[in-house]
Amino acid sequence: SITYGAYETCIHCNGRGMTPSVETQGLAFLRQLNLRTLKAEKDQKFICYLPAVVACYVLNTKREELMELEQKRQVFISIEIDPKLVSGQSNIAPATS
């Protein structure tokens, strides 16, 4: 079809026409972080890259949950803004030092 060749899939919604809310993205990130830190070594550091609005939501609204996770798993979590990430994307990486 002509439409297929003339248009590209939206990078924000993957062609669905909608993106998850900031709250949904924040909660999905926290679930992912929870799983990622399950087998972490004591005092391991993680750098979490998020879109700006999601990072602000997590830091301002879910700060207590982050602190509880750090204490429970005995890890350090750093939240960074990555302007290249779009809605629904995140990256959790072990910090190298």
N, C-alpha and C. Protein backbone atom coordinates (compact mmCIF):
# COMPACT_ATOMS: atom_id res chain seq x y z
N SER A 1 0.83 -1.18 0.00
CA SER A 1 0.00 0.00 0.00
C SER A 1 0.88 1.25 0.00
N ILE A 2 0.36 2.32 -0.52
CA ILE A 2 1.10 3.59 -0.58
C ILE A 2 1.35 4.11 0.82
N THR A 3 0.39 3.95 1.70
CA THR A 3 0.53 4.44 3.08
C THR A 3 1.72 3.78 3.76
N TYR A 4 1.90 2.50 3.56
CA TYR A 4 2.99 1.77 4.21
C TYR A 4 4.35 2.36 3.83
N GLY A 5 4.52 2.72 2.59
CA GLY A 5 5.79 3.27 2.13
C GLY A 5 5.97 4.75 2.44
N ALA A 6 4.89 5.46 2.69
CA ALA A 6 4.95 6.90 2.91
C ALA A 6 5.04 7.30 4.37
N TYR A 7 4.75 6.38 5.28
CA TYR A 7 4.74 6.70 6.70
C TYR A 7 5.67 5.77 7.46
N GLU A 8 6.09 6.23 8.62
CA GLU A 8 6.92 5.41 9.51
C GLU A 8 6.16 5.16 10.80
N THR A 9 6.50 4.08 11.47
CA THR A 9 5.89 3.78 12.76
C THR A 9 6.39 4.78 13.79
N CYS A 10 5.49 5.30 14.58
CA CYS A 10 5.82 6.27 15.62
C CYS A 10 6.75 5.63 16.64
N ILE A 11 7.86 6.32 16.95
CA ILE A 11 8.81 5.78 17.93
C ILE A 11 8.28 5.88 19.35
N HIS A 12 7.29 6.72 19.57
CA HIS A 12 6.76 6.90 20.91
C HIS A 12 5.71 5.85 21.27
N CYS A 13 4.93 5.41 20.31
CA CYS A 13 3.85 4.47 20.62
C CYS A 13 3.95 3.16 19.85
N ASN A 14 4.98 3.00 19.02
CA ASN A 14 5.14 1.80 18.19
C ASN A 14 3.92 1.54 17.31
N GLY A 15 3.28 2.60 16.86
CA GLY A 15 2.16 2.48 15.95
C GLY A 15 0.82 2.19 16.60
N ARG A 16 0.74 2.17 17.92
CA ARG A 16 -0.51 1.87 18.62
C ARG A 16 -1.42 3.08 18.73
N GLY A 17 -0.86 4.28 18.67
CA GLY A 17 -1.67 5.48 18.80
C GLY A 17 -1.80 5.99 20.22
N MET A 18 -1.24 5.26 21.18
CA MET A 18 -1.28 5.67 22.59
C MET A 18 0.04 5.27 23.25
N THR A 19 0.40 6.02 24.29
CA THR A 19 1.57 5.67 25.08
C THR A 19 1.14 5.45 26.52
N PRO A 20 1.89 4.64 27.28
CA PRO A 20 1.53 4.43 28.69
C PRO A 20 1.65 5.74 29.46
N SER A 21 0.82 5.89 30.48
CA SER A 21 0.88 7.08 31.33
C SER A 21 2.20 7.08 32.09
N VAL A 22 2.56 8.24 32.61
CA VAL A 22 3.79 8.36 33.40
C VAL A 22 3.73 7.42 34.60
N GLU A 23 2.58 7.34 35.25
CA GLU A 23 2.43 6.46 36.41
C GLU A 23 2.65 5.01 36.02
N THR A 24 2.07 4.59 34.90
CA THR A 24 2.23 3.21 34.42
C THR A 24 3.69 2.92 34.12
N GLN A 25 4.37 3.87 33.47
CA GLN A 25 5.78 3.69 33.15
C GLN A 25 6.63 3.61 34.42
N GLY A 26 6.31 4.46 35.40
CA GLY A 26 7.05 4.45 36.66
C GLY A 26 6.89 3.15 37.40
N LEU A 27 5.66 2.64 37.46
CA LEU A 27 5.42 1.37 38.15
C LEU A 27 6.06 0.20 37.42
N ALA A 28 6.03 0.22 36.09
CA ALA A 28 6.68 -0.84 35.31
C ALA A 28 8.19 -0.81 35.55
N PHE A 29 8.76 0.39 35.62
CA PHE A 29 10.19 0.51 35.90
C PHE A 29 10.52 -0.05 37.28
N LEU A 30 9.71 0.28 38.29
CA LEU A 30 9.97 -0.22 39.64
C LEU A 30 9.88 -1.74 39.71
N ARG A 31 8.93 -2.34 38.98
CA ARG A 31 8.85 -3.80 38.93
C ARG A 31 10.10 -4.39 38.29
N GLN A 32 10.55 -3.77 37.19
CA GLN A 32 11.75 -4.22 36.50
C GLN A 32 12.97 -4.08 37.42
N LEU A 33 13.07 -2.97 38.12
CA LEU A 33 14.19 -2.75 39.04
C LEU A 33 14.16 -3.75 40.19
N ASN A 34 12.97 -4.04 40.69
CA ASN A 34 12.81 -5.02 41.76
C ASN A 34 13.35 -6.38 41.32
N LEU A 35 13.00 -6.80 40.12
CA LEU A 35 13.49 -8.08 39.60
C LEU A 35 15.00 -8.05 39.36
N ARG A 36 15.48 -6.95 38.83
CA ARG A 36 16.91 -6.83 38.50
C ARG A 36 17.79 -6.87 39.74
N THR A 37 17.29 -6.39 40.87
CA THR A 37 18.10 -6.34 42.09
C THR A 37 17.93 -7.58 42.96
N LEU A 38 17.10 -8.53 42.54
CA LEU A 38 16.86 -9.73 43.34
C LEU A 38 18.16 -10.46 43.69
N LYS A 39 19.02 -10.64 42.72
CA LYS A 39 20.25 -11.40 42.93
C LYS A 39 21.48 -10.52 42.99
N ALA A 40 21.27 -9.27 43.33
CA ALA A 40 22.40 -8.32 43.38
C ALA A 40 23.28 -8.63 44.58
N GLU A 41 24.55 -8.33 44.40
CA GLU A 41 25.50 -8.46 45.50
C GLU A 41 25.32 -7.30 46.46
N LYS A 42 25.70 -7.51 47.71
CA LYS A 42 25.61 -6.46 48.71
C LYS A 42 26.45 -5.27 48.26
N ASP A 43 25.91 -4.08 48.44
CA ASP A 43 26.54 -2.81 48.08
C ASP A 43 26.75 -2.62 46.58
N GLN A 44 26.07 -3.42 45.75
CA GLN A 44 26.16 -3.23 44.30
C GLN A 44 25.44 -1.94 43.93
N LYS A 45 25.96 -1.27 42.93
CA LYS A 45 25.39 0.00 42.47
C LYS A 45 24.72 -0.19 41.12
N PHE A 46 23.57 0.44 40.96
CA PHE A 46 22.83 0.40 39.70
C PHE A 46 22.56 1.83 39.24
N ILE A 47 22.75 2.06 37.95
CA ILE A 47 22.39 3.34 37.35
C ILE A 47 21.17 3.07 36.46
N CYS A 48 20.11 3.80 36.72
CA CYS A 48 18.86 3.61 36.00
C CYS A 48 18.61 4.83 35.12
N TYR A 49 18.50 4.60 33.83
CA TYR A 49 18.27 5.67 32.87
C TYR A 49 16.80 5.66 32.47
N LEU A 50 16.17 6.83 32.58
CA LEU A 50 14.74 6.98 32.30
C LEU A 50 14.48 8.26 31.51
N PRO A 51 13.33 8.31 30.80
CA PRO A 51 12.91 9.59 30.23
C PRO A 51 12.67 10.59 31.37
N ALA A 52 12.82 11.87 31.10
CA ALA A 52 12.76 12.90 32.14
C ALA A 52 11.48 12.85 32.98
N VAL A 53 10.32 12.73 32.34
CA VAL A 53 9.07 12.76 33.10
C VAL A 53 8.93 11.55 34.02
N VAL A 54 9.44 10.41 33.58
CA VAL A 54 9.37 9.20 34.40
C VAL A 54 10.36 9.29 35.55
N ALA A 55 11.55 9.81 35.28
CA ALA A 55 12.54 9.99 36.34
C ALA A 55 12.00 10.91 37.42
N CYS A 56 11.39 12.01 37.02
CA CYS A 56 10.81 12.95 38.00
C CYS A 56 9.69 12.29 38.79
N TYR A 57 8.84 11.53 38.12
CA TYR A 57 7.76 10.83 38.82
C TYR A 57 8.32 9.86 39.86
N VAL A 58 9.29 9.05 39.47
CA VAL A 58 9.86 8.06 40.39
C VAL A 58 10.54 8.76 41.56
N LEU A 59 11.34 9.78 41.28
CA LEU A 59 12.07 10.46 42.35
C LEU A 59 11.16 11.24 43.28
N ASN A 60 10.10 11.82 42.76
CA ASN A 60 9.22 12.65 43.58
C ASN A 60 8.07 11.88 44.22
N THR A 61 7.57 10.87 43.54
CA THR A 61 6.38 10.17 44.02
C THR A 61 6.69 8.80 44.61
N LYS A 62 7.72 8.16 44.11
CA LYS A 62 8.05 6.80 44.55
C LYS A 62 9.39 6.74 45.28
N ARG A 63 9.80 7.85 45.85
CA ARG A 63 11.08 7.92 46.56
C ARG A 63 11.14 6.91 47.71
N GLU A 64 10.04 6.79 48.45
CA GLU A 64 10.00 5.87 49.59
C GLU A 64 10.21 4.43 49.14
N GLU A 65 9.56 4.04 48.03
CA GLU A 65 9.73 2.69 47.50
C GLU A 65 11.17 2.44 47.07
N LEU A 66 11.80 3.45 46.46
CA LEU A 66 13.21 3.31 46.08
C LEU A 66 14.09 3.10 47.30
N MET A 67 13.86 3.89 48.34
CA MET A 67 14.66 3.77 49.56
C MET A 67 14.45 2.41 50.22
N GLU A 68 13.22 1.93 50.24
CA GLU A 68 12.94 0.61 50.81
C GLU A 68 13.65 -0.49 50.03
N LEU A 69 13.65 -0.37 48.71
CA LEU A 69 14.32 -1.36 47.87
C LEU A 69 15.83 -1.34 48.12
N GLU A 70 16.41 -0.15 48.23
CA GLU A 70 17.84 -0.03 48.52
C GLU A 70 18.17 -0.69 49.86
N GLN A 71 17.35 -0.43 50.86
CA GLN A 71 17.61 -1.00 52.19
C GLN A 71 17.40 -2.50 52.21
N LYS A 72 16.32 -2.97 51.61
CA LYS A 72 15.99 -4.39 51.62
C LYS A 72 17.04 -5.22 50.88
N ARG A 73 17.49 -4.72 49.72
CA ARG A 73 18.45 -5.47 48.90
C ARG A 73 19.90 -5.07 49.17
N GLN A 74 20.09 -4.05 50.00
CA GLN A 74 21.42 -3.53 50.33
C GLN A 74 22.19 -3.16 49.06
N VAL A 75 21.54 -2.35 48.22
CA VAL A 75 22.14 -1.86 46.98
C VAL A 75 22.02 -0.34 46.94
N PHE A 76 22.70 0.26 45.98
CA PHE A 76 22.62 1.70 45.76
C PHE A 76 22.00 1.92 44.38
N ILE A 77 21.01 2.79 44.31
CA ILE A 77 20.30 3.04 43.06
C ILE A 77 20.42 4.52 42.71
N SER A 78 20.87 4.78 41.50
CA SER A 78 20.98 6.14 40.99
C SER A 78 20.04 6.28 39.80
N ILE A 79 19.26 7.34 39.78
CA ILE A 79 18.33 7.61 38.68
C ILE A 79 18.91 8.73 37.83
N GLU A 80 19.04 8.47 36.53
CA GLU A 80 19.58 9.45 35.59
C GLU A 80 18.56 9.68 34.47
N ILE A 81 18.53 10.89 33.95
CA ILE A 81 17.67 11.21 32.81
C ILE A 81 18.45 10.94 31.53
N ASP A 82 17.81 10.21 30.61
CA ASP A 82 18.39 9.98 29.29
C ASP A 82 17.44 10.57 28.26
N PRO A 83 17.81 11.71 27.66
CA PRO A 83 16.91 12.37 26.71
C PRO A 83 16.66 11.57 25.44
N LYS A 84 17.47 10.54 25.18
CA LYS A 84 17.28 9.72 23.99
C LYS A 84 16.18 8.67 24.17
N LEU A 85 15.82 8.39 25.42
CA LEU A 85 14.78 7.39 25.67
C LEU A 85 13.40 7.99 25.43
N VAL A 86 12.52 7.18 24.87
CA VAL A 86 11.15 7.61 24.62
C VAL A 86 10.22 6.88 25.58
N SER A 87 8.97 7.23 25.52
CA SER A 87 7.96 6.66 26.40
C SER A 87 8.05 5.13 26.45
N GLY A 88 8.07 4.60 27.66
CA GLY A 88 8.10 3.15 27.84
C GLY A 88 9.48 2.54 27.88
N GLN A 89 10.51 3.33 27.62
CA GLN A 89 11.87 2.79 27.62
C GLN A 89 12.57 3.12 28.93
N SER A 90 13.45 2.21 29.34
CA SER A 90 14.32 2.45 30.48
C SER A 90 15.54 1.55 30.32
N ASN A 91 16.57 1.85 31.07
CA ASN A 91 17.78 1.04 31.02
C ASN A 91 18.34 0.97 32.43
N ILE A 92 18.50 -0.23 32.95
CA ILE A 92 19.07 -0.45 34.28
C ILE A 92 20.41 -1.14 34.08
N ALA A 93 21.47 -0.47 34.51
CA ALA A 93 22.81 -1.01 34.29
C ALA A 93 23.59 -1.04 35.60
N PRO A 94 24.35 -2.12 35.83
CA PRO A 94 25.24 -2.11 36.99
C PRO A 94 26.29 -1.02 36.80
N ALA A 95 26.56 -0.27 37.84
CA ALA A 95 27.57 0.79 37.76
C ALA A 95 28.95 0.15 37.77
N THR A 96 29.83 0.69 36.98
CA THR A 96 31.21 0.22 36.96
C THR A 96 32.07 1.26 37.64
N SER A 97 32.86 0.80 38.60
CA SER A 97 33.73 1.74 39.29
C SER A 97 35.04 1.09 39.65
